[in-house]
């Protein structure tokens, strides 16, 4: 008798995946559960976001720091750096979801009342934080060097867009990881 694994399309999770995160006491992820380690992970995620966002200002930073690399080496260096940083942020997001047991992405019917309240409060604070982040980015875009989307030679604003998308996806779990003592 096979059980159906219900897919929650809006949340982007499956029933088995959420239940496994909520009930899993796997020893290889036990190190992620203490609040101190979760806070370190949140700090690393913020550092990763800042590093990805700085990719938008690579040409300006290169001129300021007088980095002298030939064309091919510069492109190879920047490409490897960008891929490494983006993959690091993705791995950090996956570890963050595991550390908070997927509560930030779980649908209501798979959580108990306390978990729903904690998740909803985390969402509220996450959206406050995102409002401040967007305000800061708007100020940066108005006062900083000019950004254009998909610009091969100048400052490319697409890295800021990638950062905002990463931040919106992970901010509820980051707030949950930071605030909760026992998960």
N, C-alpha and C. Protein backbone atom coordinates (compact mmCIF):
# COMPACT_ATOMS: atom_id res chain seq x y z
N UNK A 1 0.84 -1.16 0.00
CA UNK A 1 0.00 0.00 0.00
C UNK A 1 0.90 1.24 0.00
N UNK A 2 0.84 2.00 -1.07
CA UNK A 2 1.69 3.18 -1.14
C UNK A 2 0.90 4.42 -0.74
N UNK A 3 1.54 5.23 0.06
CA UNK A 3 0.93 6.48 0.48
C UNK A 3 1.28 7.56 -0.53
N UNK A 4 0.34 8.44 -0.78
CA UNK A 4 0.61 9.57 -1.65
C UNK A 4 1.46 10.60 -0.90
N UNK A 5 2.40 11.15 -1.59
CA UNK A 5 3.22 12.21 -1.03
C UNK A 5 2.66 13.52 -1.56
N UNK A 6 1.83 14.17 -0.77
CA UNK A 6 1.18 15.39 -1.20
C UNK A 6 2.21 16.49 -1.44
N UNK A 7 2.06 17.20 -2.54
CA UNK A 7 2.95 18.29 -2.89
C UNK A 7 2.23 19.61 -2.61
N UNK A 8 2.87 20.45 -1.84
CA UNK A 8 2.34 21.79 -1.56
C UNK A 8 3.05 22.75 -2.49
N UNK A 9 2.42 23.06 -3.63
CA UNK A 9 3.04 23.84 -4.68
C UNK A 9 3.34 25.26 -4.24
N UNK A 10 2.43 25.87 -3.50
CA UNK A 10 2.62 27.26 -3.10
C UNK A 10 3.83 27.40 -2.18
N UNK A 11 4.01 26.46 -1.26
CA UNK A 11 5.14 26.52 -0.33
C UNK A 11 6.41 25.91 -0.92
N UNK A 12 6.26 25.09 -1.95
CA UNK A 12 7.42 24.46 -2.57
C UNK A 12 7.99 23.31 -1.76
N UNK A 13 7.12 22.57 -1.04
CA UNK A 13 7.56 21.46 -0.21
C UNK A 13 6.64 20.27 -0.44
N UNK A 14 7.09 19.10 0.02
CA UNK A 14 6.24 17.91 -0.01
C UNK A 14 5.92 17.49 1.43
N UNK A 15 4.87 16.74 1.58
CA UNK A 15 4.45 16.29 2.91
C UNK A 15 5.53 15.45 3.57
N UNK A 16 6.10 14.50 2.83
CA UNK A 16 7.15 13.64 3.40
C UNK A 16 8.38 14.45 3.79
N UNK A 17 8.74 15.43 2.96
CA UNK A 17 9.91 16.25 3.26
C UNK A 17 9.74 17.05 4.54
N UNK A 18 8.56 17.66 4.71
CA UNK A 18 8.31 18.46 5.91
C UNK A 18 8.25 17.55 7.14
N UNK A 19 7.54 16.43 7.03
CA UNK A 19 7.44 15.52 8.18
C UNK A 19 8.80 14.96 8.56
N UNK A 20 9.64 14.71 7.56
CA UNK A 20 10.97 14.18 7.89
C UNK A 20 11.81 15.23 8.60
N UNK A 21 11.71 16.51 8.19
CA UNK A 21 12.46 17.56 8.89
C UNK A 21 11.93 17.80 10.30
N UNK A 22 10.61 17.71 10.47
CA UNK A 22 10.02 17.98 11.78
C UNK A 22 10.33 16.87 12.79
N UNK A 23 10.44 15.64 12.32
CA UNK A 23 10.64 14.53 13.24
C UNK A 23 12.04 13.96 13.23
N UNK A 24 12.88 14.41 12.31
CA UNK A 24 14.22 13.83 12.15
C UNK A 24 15.15 14.26 13.28
N UNK A 25 15.74 13.31 13.91
CA UNK A 25 16.77 13.56 14.93
C UNK A 25 18.11 13.01 14.43
N UNK A 26 18.37 13.19 13.15
CA UNK A 26 19.57 12.69 12.52
C UNK A 26 20.80 13.32 13.18
N UNK A 27 21.72 12.49 13.61
CA UNK A 27 22.87 12.98 14.36
C UNK A 27 23.81 13.83 13.50
N UNK A 28 23.79 13.65 12.19
CA UNK A 28 24.72 14.43 11.38
C UNK A 28 24.29 15.90 11.26
N UNK A 29 23.02 16.22 11.58
CA UNK A 29 22.56 17.61 11.56
C UNK A 29 22.31 18.15 12.96
N UNK A 30 22.65 17.40 13.99
CA UNK A 30 22.42 17.85 15.36
C UNK A 30 23.21 19.11 15.67
N UNK A 31 24.35 19.28 15.05
CA UNK A 31 25.18 20.46 15.30
C UNK A 31 24.51 21.74 14.82
N UNK A 32 23.52 21.65 13.93
CA UNK A 32 22.82 22.83 13.44
C UNK A 32 21.74 23.32 14.40
N UNK A 33 21.31 22.50 15.33
CA UNK A 33 20.14 22.80 16.15
C UNK A 33 20.36 23.85 17.25
N UNK A 34 21.52 23.93 17.91
CA UNK A 34 21.67 24.94 18.97
C UNK A 34 21.54 26.36 18.41
N UNK A 35 20.98 27.25 19.23
CA UNK A 35 20.73 28.62 18.79
C UNK A 35 22.02 29.33 18.39
N UNK A 36 23.09 29.09 19.10
CA UNK A 36 24.37 29.74 18.78
C UNK A 36 24.81 29.38 17.35
N UNK A 37 24.72 28.12 16.99
CA UNK A 37 25.13 27.69 15.65
C UNK A 37 24.18 28.23 14.59
N UNK A 38 22.89 28.30 14.92
CA UNK A 38 21.94 28.88 13.97
C UNK A 38 22.23 30.36 13.74
N UNK A 39 22.62 31.05 14.81
CA UNK A 39 22.94 32.48 14.66
C UNK A 39 24.21 32.67 13.83
N UNK A 40 25.18 31.79 14.00
CA UNK A 40 26.39 31.85 13.17
C UNK A 40 26.00 31.63 11.71
N UNK A 41 25.12 30.68 11.46
CA UNK A 41 24.66 30.41 10.10
C UNK A 41 23.94 31.62 9.51
N UNK A 42 23.13 32.30 10.31
CA UNK A 42 22.45 33.52 9.84
C UNK A 42 23.49 34.58 9.50
N UNK A 43 24.50 34.74 10.34
CA UNK A 43 25.57 35.70 10.05
C UNK A 43 26.31 35.38 8.77
N UNK A 44 26.57 34.10 8.54
CA UNK A 44 27.23 33.70 7.30
C UNK A 44 26.34 33.95 6.09
N UNK A 45 25.03 33.76 6.27
CA UNK A 45 24.10 34.04 5.16
C UNK A 45 24.12 35.54 4.82
N UNK A 46 24.11 36.40 5.83
CA UNK A 46 24.15 37.84 5.59
C UNK A 46 25.45 38.21 4.89
N UNK A 47 26.55 37.63 5.32
CA UNK A 47 27.84 37.87 4.66
C UNK A 47 27.80 37.40 3.20
N UNK A 48 27.18 36.25 2.97
CA UNK A 48 27.02 35.76 1.60
C UNK A 48 26.16 36.68 0.76
N UNK A 49 25.08 37.21 1.34
CA UNK A 49 24.24 38.16 0.61
C UNK A 49 25.03 39.40 0.22
N UNK A 50 25.81 39.92 1.16
CA UNK A 50 26.60 41.11 0.87
C UNK A 50 27.63 40.84 -0.22
N UNK A 51 28.22 39.66 -0.18
CA UNK A 51 29.22 39.30 -1.19
C UNK A 51 28.59 39.17 -2.57
N UNK A 52 27.42 38.54 -2.64
CA UNK A 52 26.73 38.44 -3.94
C UNK A 52 26.36 39.83 -4.44
N UNK A 53 25.85 40.68 -3.55
CA UNK A 53 25.45 42.03 -3.96
C UNK A 53 26.63 42.84 -4.45
N UNK A 54 27.83 42.62 -3.88
CA UNK A 54 29.01 43.36 -4.32
C UNK A 54 29.39 43.03 -5.76
N UNK A 55 28.90 41.90 -6.27
CA UNK A 55 29.17 41.57 -7.67
C UNK A 55 28.63 42.62 -8.61
N UNK A 56 27.60 43.34 -8.20
CA UNK A 56 27.05 44.41 -9.04
C UNK A 56 28.02 45.57 -9.19
N UNK A 57 28.91 45.74 -8.23
CA UNK A 57 29.84 46.86 -8.25
C UNK A 57 31.27 46.42 -8.56
N UNK A 58 31.44 45.25 -9.17
CA UNK A 58 32.77 44.74 -9.48
C UNK A 58 33.59 45.72 -10.34
N UNK A 59 33.05 46.26 -11.43
CA UNK A 59 33.87 47.19 -12.23
C UNK A 59 34.30 48.43 -11.45
N UNK A 60 33.43 48.96 -10.60
CA UNK A 60 33.79 50.14 -9.81
C UNK A 60 34.86 49.78 -8.78
N UNK A 61 34.70 48.65 -8.09
CA UNK A 61 35.70 48.23 -7.10
C UNK A 61 37.04 47.95 -7.77
N UNK A 62 37.00 47.43 -8.98
CA UNK A 62 38.23 47.13 -9.71
C UNK A 62 38.99 48.42 -10.03
N UNK A 63 38.26 49.45 -10.41
CA UNK A 63 38.92 50.73 -10.72
C UNK A 63 39.48 51.38 -9.45
N UNK A 64 38.72 51.30 -8.34
CA UNK A 64 39.16 51.91 -7.09
C UNK A 64 40.39 51.21 -6.55
N UNK A 65 40.39 49.89 -6.56
CA UNK A 65 41.50 49.11 -6.02
C UNK A 65 42.63 48.91 -7.01
N UNK A 66 42.46 49.37 -8.24
CA UNK A 66 43.48 49.25 -9.28
C UNK A 66 43.92 47.81 -9.47
N UNK A 67 42.95 46.91 -9.58
CA UNK A 67 43.25 45.50 -9.81
C UNK A 67 43.69 45.36 -11.27
N UNK A 68 44.86 44.85 -11.48
CA UNK A 68 45.40 44.72 -12.82
C UNK A 68 45.42 43.25 -13.23
N UNK A 69 44.37 42.81 -13.89
CA UNK A 69 44.30 41.45 -14.42
C UNK A 69 44.01 41.56 -15.91
N UNK A 70 44.55 40.63 -16.69
CA UNK A 70 44.26 40.65 -18.13
C UNK A 70 42.81 40.23 -18.33
N UNK A 71 42.26 40.51 -19.50
CA UNK A 71 40.84 40.27 -19.77
C UNK A 71 40.37 38.86 -19.50
N UNK A 72 41.09 37.86 -20.00
CA UNK A 72 40.67 36.47 -19.82
C UNK A 72 40.78 36.01 -18.38
N UNK A 73 41.85 36.40 -17.71
CA UNK A 73 42.04 36.01 -16.31
C UNK A 73 41.00 36.69 -15.42
N UNK A 74 40.70 37.95 -15.73
CA UNK A 74 39.71 38.67 -14.94
C UNK A 74 38.33 38.02 -15.07
N UNK A 75 37.94 37.66 -16.26
CA UNK A 75 36.64 37.01 -16.48
C UNK A 75 36.60 35.66 -15.78
N UNK A 76 37.67 34.90 -15.88
CA UNK A 76 37.72 33.59 -15.22
C UNK A 76 37.65 33.75 -13.70
N UNK A 77 38.41 34.70 -13.16
CA UNK A 77 38.39 34.93 -11.71
C UNK A 77 37.00 35.33 -11.24
N UNK A 78 36.39 36.29 -11.92
CA UNK A 78 35.07 36.77 -11.52
C UNK A 78 34.03 35.67 -11.66
N UNK A 79 34.10 34.87 -12.72
CA UNK A 79 33.13 33.80 -12.92
C UNK A 79 33.23 32.74 -11.83
N UNK A 80 34.45 32.32 -11.51
CA UNK A 80 34.64 31.31 -10.46
C UNK A 80 34.19 31.88 -9.12
N UNK A 81 34.54 33.13 -8.84
CA UNK A 81 34.13 33.78 -7.60
C UNK A 81 32.61 33.84 -7.49
N UNK A 82 31.93 34.27 -8.56
CA UNK A 82 30.48 34.41 -8.54
C UNK A 82 29.79 33.06 -8.35
N UNK A 83 30.27 32.04 -9.05
CA UNK A 83 29.66 30.71 -8.91
C UNK A 83 29.86 30.18 -7.50
N UNK A 84 31.07 30.34 -6.96
CA UNK A 84 31.35 29.87 -5.60
C UNK A 84 30.46 30.57 -4.57
N UNK A 85 30.33 31.88 -4.69
CA UNK A 85 29.54 32.63 -3.70
C UNK A 85 28.06 32.26 -3.81
N UNK A 86 27.53 32.18 -5.01
CA UNK A 86 26.11 31.85 -5.18
C UNK A 86 25.83 30.43 -4.66
N UNK A 87 26.70 29.48 -4.98
CA UNK A 87 26.52 28.12 -4.47
C UNK A 87 26.66 28.06 -2.95
N UNK A 88 27.56 28.86 -2.40
CA UNK A 88 27.70 28.91 -0.94
C UNK A 88 26.42 29.42 -0.27
N UNK A 89 25.80 30.43 -0.87
CA UNK A 89 24.54 30.95 -0.33
C UNK A 89 23.44 29.91 -0.44
N UNK A 90 23.41 29.17 -1.55
CA UNK A 90 22.40 28.11 -1.70
C UNK A 90 22.59 27.01 -0.66
N UNK A 91 23.82 26.59 -0.44
CA UNK A 91 24.10 25.58 0.57
C UNK A 91 23.75 26.12 1.96
N UNK A 92 24.07 27.37 2.21
CA UNK A 92 23.70 27.99 3.48
C UNK A 92 22.19 28.01 3.69
N UNK A 93 21.45 28.28 2.63
CA UNK A 93 19.99 28.28 2.72
C UNK A 93 19.47 26.88 3.04
N UNK A 94 20.02 25.87 2.40
CA UNK A 94 19.59 24.50 2.69
C UNK A 94 19.91 24.10 4.14
N UNK A 95 21.09 24.46 4.62
CA UNK A 95 21.44 24.18 6.01
C UNK A 95 20.55 24.96 6.98
N UNK A 96 20.19 26.18 6.60
CA UNK A 96 19.30 26.99 7.43
C UNK A 96 17.92 26.34 7.53
N UNK A 97 17.40 25.85 6.42
CA UNK A 97 16.10 25.17 6.44
C UNK A 97 16.15 23.93 7.32
N UNK A 98 17.25 23.20 7.25
CA UNK A 98 17.39 22.01 8.08
C UNK A 98 17.48 22.41 9.56
N UNK A 99 18.19 23.50 9.85
CA UNK A 99 18.38 23.91 11.24
C UNK A 99 17.08 24.35 11.91
N UNK A 100 16.14 24.89 11.14
CA UNK A 100 14.85 25.30 11.72
C UNK A 100 13.76 24.29 11.41
N UNK A 101 14.17 23.11 10.97
CA UNK A 101 13.26 21.99 10.69
C UNK A 101 12.20 22.30 9.64
N UNK A 102 12.47 23.24 8.76
CA UNK A 102 11.54 23.55 7.69
C UNK A 102 10.26 24.23 8.13
N UNK A 103 10.23 24.73 9.36
CA UNK A 103 9.00 25.36 9.87
C UNK A 103 8.65 26.60 9.06
N UNK A 104 9.63 27.34 8.61
CA UNK A 104 9.38 28.55 7.85
C UNK A 104 8.70 28.32 6.52
N UNK A 105 8.80 27.11 5.96
CA UNK A 105 8.22 26.82 4.65
C UNK A 105 7.07 25.83 4.72
N UNK A 106 6.73 25.34 5.90
CA UNK A 106 5.72 24.29 6.04
C UNK A 106 4.31 24.87 5.98
N UNK A 107 3.37 24.11 5.39
CA UNK A 107 1.97 24.56 5.39
C UNK A 107 1.32 24.37 6.76
N UNK A 108 0.24 25.08 7.00
CA UNK A 108 -0.44 25.05 8.30
C UNK A 108 -0.85 23.64 8.73
N UNK A 109 -1.33 22.83 7.82
CA UNK A 109 -1.88 21.53 8.20
C UNK A 109 -0.83 20.54 8.70
N UNK A 110 0.45 20.83 8.49
CA UNK A 110 1.51 19.94 8.97
C UNK A 110 2.17 20.43 10.26
N UNK A 111 1.73 21.59 10.76
CA UNK A 111 2.32 22.16 11.97
C UNK A 111 1.29 22.20 13.09
N UNK A 112 1.78 22.22 14.33
CA UNK A 112 0.86 22.40 15.45
C UNK A 112 0.67 23.90 15.70
N UNK A 113 -0.19 24.23 16.67
CA UNK A 113 -0.55 25.63 16.90
C UNK A 113 0.64 26.49 17.29
N UNK A 114 1.51 25.97 18.14
CA UNK A 114 2.69 26.74 18.55
C UNK A 114 3.60 27.02 17.37
N UNK A 115 3.84 26.01 16.55
CA UNK A 115 4.72 26.19 15.40
C UNK A 115 4.12 27.18 14.40
N UNK A 116 2.81 27.15 14.22
CA UNK A 116 2.16 28.11 13.32
C UNK A 116 2.34 29.53 13.84
N UNK A 117 2.15 29.72 15.14
CA UNK A 117 2.30 31.06 15.74
C UNK A 117 3.74 31.54 15.60
N UNK A 118 4.70 30.67 15.89
CA UNK A 118 6.11 31.04 15.77
C UNK A 118 6.45 31.37 14.33
N UNK A 119 5.98 30.56 13.38
CA UNK A 119 6.25 30.80 11.97
C UNK A 119 5.64 32.12 11.51
N UNK A 120 4.39 32.37 11.89
CA UNK A 120 3.72 33.60 11.47
C UNK A 120 4.39 34.85 12.05
N UNK A 121 4.83 34.77 13.29
CA UNK A 121 5.56 35.88 13.90
C UNK A 121 6.88 36.12 13.17
N UNK A 122 7.55 35.04 12.81
CA UNK A 122 8.81 35.17 12.07
C UNK A 122 8.58 35.80 10.71
N UNK A 123 7.49 35.44 10.05
CA UNK A 123 7.16 36.06 8.77
C UNK A 123 6.95 37.56 8.94
N UNK A 124 6.26 37.95 9.99
CA UNK A 124 5.99 39.37 10.21
C UNK A 124 7.30 40.14 10.38
N UNK A 125 8.19 39.65 11.23
CA UNK A 125 9.47 40.32 11.42
C UNK A 125 10.34 40.26 10.15
N UNK A 126 10.24 39.18 9.41
CA UNK A 126 11.01 39.06 8.16
C UNK A 126 10.56 40.11 7.15
N UNK A 127 9.29 40.36 7.07
CA UNK A 127 8.81 41.37 6.13
C UNK A 127 9.14 42.78 6.59
N UNK A 128 9.20 43.01 7.89
CA UNK A 128 9.71 44.30 8.38
C UNK A 128 11.17 44.47 7.94
N UNK A 129 11.97 43.43 8.15
CA UNK A 129 13.39 43.49 7.78
C UNK A 129 13.55 43.69 6.27
N UNK A 130 12.72 43.03 5.49
CA UNK A 130 12.82 43.19 4.03
C UNK A 130 12.43 44.60 3.60
N UNK A 131 11.49 45.21 4.31
CA UNK A 131 11.14 46.60 4.01
C UNK A 131 12.34 47.52 4.21
N UNK A 132 13.07 47.31 5.31
CA UNK A 132 14.27 48.11 5.54
C UNK A 132 15.36 47.80 4.52
N UNK A 133 15.49 46.54 4.13
CA UNK A 133 16.49 46.17 3.12
C UNK A 133 16.18 46.84 1.78
N UNK A 134 14.93 46.81 1.38
CA UNK A 134 14.55 47.44 0.11
C UNK A 134 14.78 48.95 0.18
N UNK A 135 14.45 49.57 1.31
CA UNK A 135 14.70 51.01 1.46
C UNK A 135 16.20 51.30 1.35
N UNK A 136 17.02 50.46 1.99
CA UNK A 136 18.47 50.64 1.90
C UNK A 136 18.99 50.46 0.47
N UNK A 137 18.45 49.47 -0.23
CA UNK A 137 18.87 49.27 -1.62
C UNK A 137 18.45 50.42 -2.52
N UNK A 138 17.27 50.97 -2.28
CA UNK A 138 16.83 52.14 -3.07
C UNK A 138 17.74 53.33 -2.83
N UNK A 139 18.13 53.54 -1.57
CA UNK A 139 19.06 54.63 -1.27
C UNK A 139 20.40 54.38 -1.94
N UNK A 140 20.88 53.13 -1.90
CA UNK A 140 22.14 52.77 -2.55
C UNK A 140 22.06 53.00 -4.06
N UNK A 141 20.93 52.61 -4.65
CA UNK A 141 20.80 52.77 -6.10
C UNK A 141 20.71 54.25 -6.49
N UNK A 142 20.12 55.08 -5.63
CA UNK A 142 20.01 56.50 -5.95
C UNK A 142 21.31 57.26 -5.70
N UNK A 143 22.05 56.87 -4.66
CA UNK A 143 23.25 57.63 -4.30
C UNK A 143 24.55 56.97 -4.73
N UNK A 144 24.54 55.69 -5.01
CA UNK A 144 25.75 54.97 -5.38
C UNK A 144 26.05 55.06 -6.87
N UNK A 145 27.03 54.32 -7.31
CA UNK A 145 27.34 54.29 -8.74
C UNK A 145 26.15 53.76 -9.54
N UNK A 146 26.04 54.20 -10.77
CA UNK A 146 24.91 53.82 -11.62
C UNK A 146 24.92 52.32 -11.91
N UNK A 147 23.74 51.71 -11.84
CA UNK A 147 23.57 50.29 -12.13
C UNK A 147 22.65 50.12 -13.33
N UNK A 148 22.98 49.15 -14.17
CA UNK A 148 22.11 48.77 -15.28
C UNK A 148 22.00 47.25 -15.27
N UNK A 149 20.89 46.74 -15.74
CA UNK A 149 20.70 45.29 -15.77
C UNK A 149 21.43 44.68 -16.96
N UNK A 150 22.07 43.56 -16.73
CA UNK A 150 22.75 42.76 -17.75
C UNK A 150 23.74 43.58 -18.55
N UNK A 151 24.53 44.35 -17.85
CA UNK A 151 25.54 45.22 -18.45
C UNK A 151 26.86 44.49 -18.47
N UNK A 152 27.43 44.19 -19.65
CA UNK A 152 28.68 43.44 -19.69
C UNK A 152 29.90 44.27 -19.27
N UNK A 153 29.87 45.59 -19.48
CA UNK A 153 31.05 46.40 -19.21
C UNK A 153 30.96 47.22 -17.93
N UNK A 154 29.77 47.65 -17.55
CA UNK A 154 29.62 48.51 -16.38
C UNK A 154 29.11 47.75 -15.18
N UNK A 155 28.57 48.49 -14.25
CA UNK A 155 28.02 47.89 -13.04
C UNK A 155 26.70 47.19 -13.37
N UNK A 156 26.65 45.90 -13.13
CA UNK A 156 25.51 45.06 -13.47
C UNK A 156 24.61 44.89 -12.26
N UNK A 157 23.41 45.43 -12.30
CA UNK A 157 22.48 45.37 -11.18
C UNK A 157 21.82 44.03 -10.97
N UNK A 158 22.08 43.06 -11.84
CA UNK A 158 21.41 41.76 -11.69
C UNK A 158 21.86 41.03 -10.42
N UNK A 159 23.06 41.30 -9.92
CA UNK A 159 23.51 40.65 -8.69
C UNK A 159 22.72 41.17 -7.48
N UNK A 160 22.31 42.44 -7.52
CA UNK A 160 21.45 42.95 -6.46
C UNK A 160 20.08 42.28 -6.51
N UNK A 161 19.57 42.03 -7.70
CA UNK A 161 18.29 41.34 -7.83
C UNK A 161 18.39 39.91 -7.30
N UNK A 162 19.48 39.23 -7.62
CA UNK A 162 19.70 37.87 -7.10
C UNK A 162 19.76 37.89 -5.58
N UNK A 163 20.44 38.88 -5.02
CA UNK A 163 20.54 38.99 -3.56
C UNK A 163 19.17 39.20 -2.93
N UNK A 164 18.36 40.06 -3.52
CA UNK A 164 17.03 40.32 -2.98
C UNK A 164 16.18 39.06 -3.05
N UNK A 165 16.27 38.32 -4.14
CA UNK A 165 15.50 37.08 -4.25
C UNK A 165 15.95 36.05 -3.20
N UNK A 166 17.25 35.91 -3.01
CA UNK A 166 17.76 35.03 -1.95
C UNK A 166 17.26 35.48 -0.58
N UNK A 167 17.32 36.78 -0.35
CA UNK A 167 16.91 37.30 0.96
C UNK A 167 15.42 37.07 1.21
N UNK A 168 14.59 37.32 0.21
CA UNK A 168 13.16 37.09 0.38
C UNK A 168 12.86 35.61 0.64
N UNK A 169 13.58 34.73 -0.01
CA UNK A 169 13.32 33.30 0.18
C UNK A 169 13.77 32.83 1.56
N UNK A 170 14.86 33.37 2.07
CA UNK A 170 15.42 32.83 3.30
C UNK A 170 15.15 33.66 4.55
N UNK A 171 14.63 34.86 4.42
CA UNK A 171 14.47 35.73 5.58
C UNK A 171 13.56 35.15 6.67
N UNK A 172 12.41 34.53 6.35
CA UNK A 172 11.62 33.95 7.45
C UNK A 172 12.39 32.88 8.24
N UNK A 173 13.12 32.04 7.55
CA UNK A 173 13.91 31.02 8.25
C UNK A 173 15.06 31.65 9.03
N UNK A 174 15.63 32.74 8.51
CA UNK A 174 16.70 33.42 9.23
C UNK A 174 16.17 34.04 10.52
N UNK A 175 15.01 34.67 10.45
CA UNK A 175 14.42 35.27 11.65
C UNK A 175 14.07 34.18 12.65
N UNK A 176 13.50 33.09 12.17
CA UNK A 176 13.15 31.96 13.03
C UNK A 176 14.40 31.38 13.70
N UNK A 177 15.47 31.22 12.93
CA UNK A 177 16.71 30.68 13.48
C UNK A 177 17.31 31.62 14.52
N UNK A 178 17.19 32.90 14.32
CA UNK A 178 17.76 33.87 15.24
C UNK A 178 16.96 33.96 16.54
N UNK A 179 15.64 33.96 16.44
CA UNK A 179 14.78 34.26 17.59
C UNK A 179 14.51 33.06 18.49
N UNK A 180 14.30 31.90 17.94
CA UNK A 180 13.83 30.76 18.72
C UNK A 180 14.98 30.10 19.49
N UNK A 181 14.70 29.81 20.75
CA UNK A 181 15.71 29.13 21.58
C UNK A 181 15.72 27.64 21.31
N UNK A 182 14.55 27.05 21.20
CA UNK A 182 14.44 25.58 21.08
C UNK A 182 13.65 25.25 19.82
N UNK A 183 14.30 24.62 18.89
CA UNK A 183 13.60 24.19 17.67
C UNK A 183 13.73 22.69 17.56
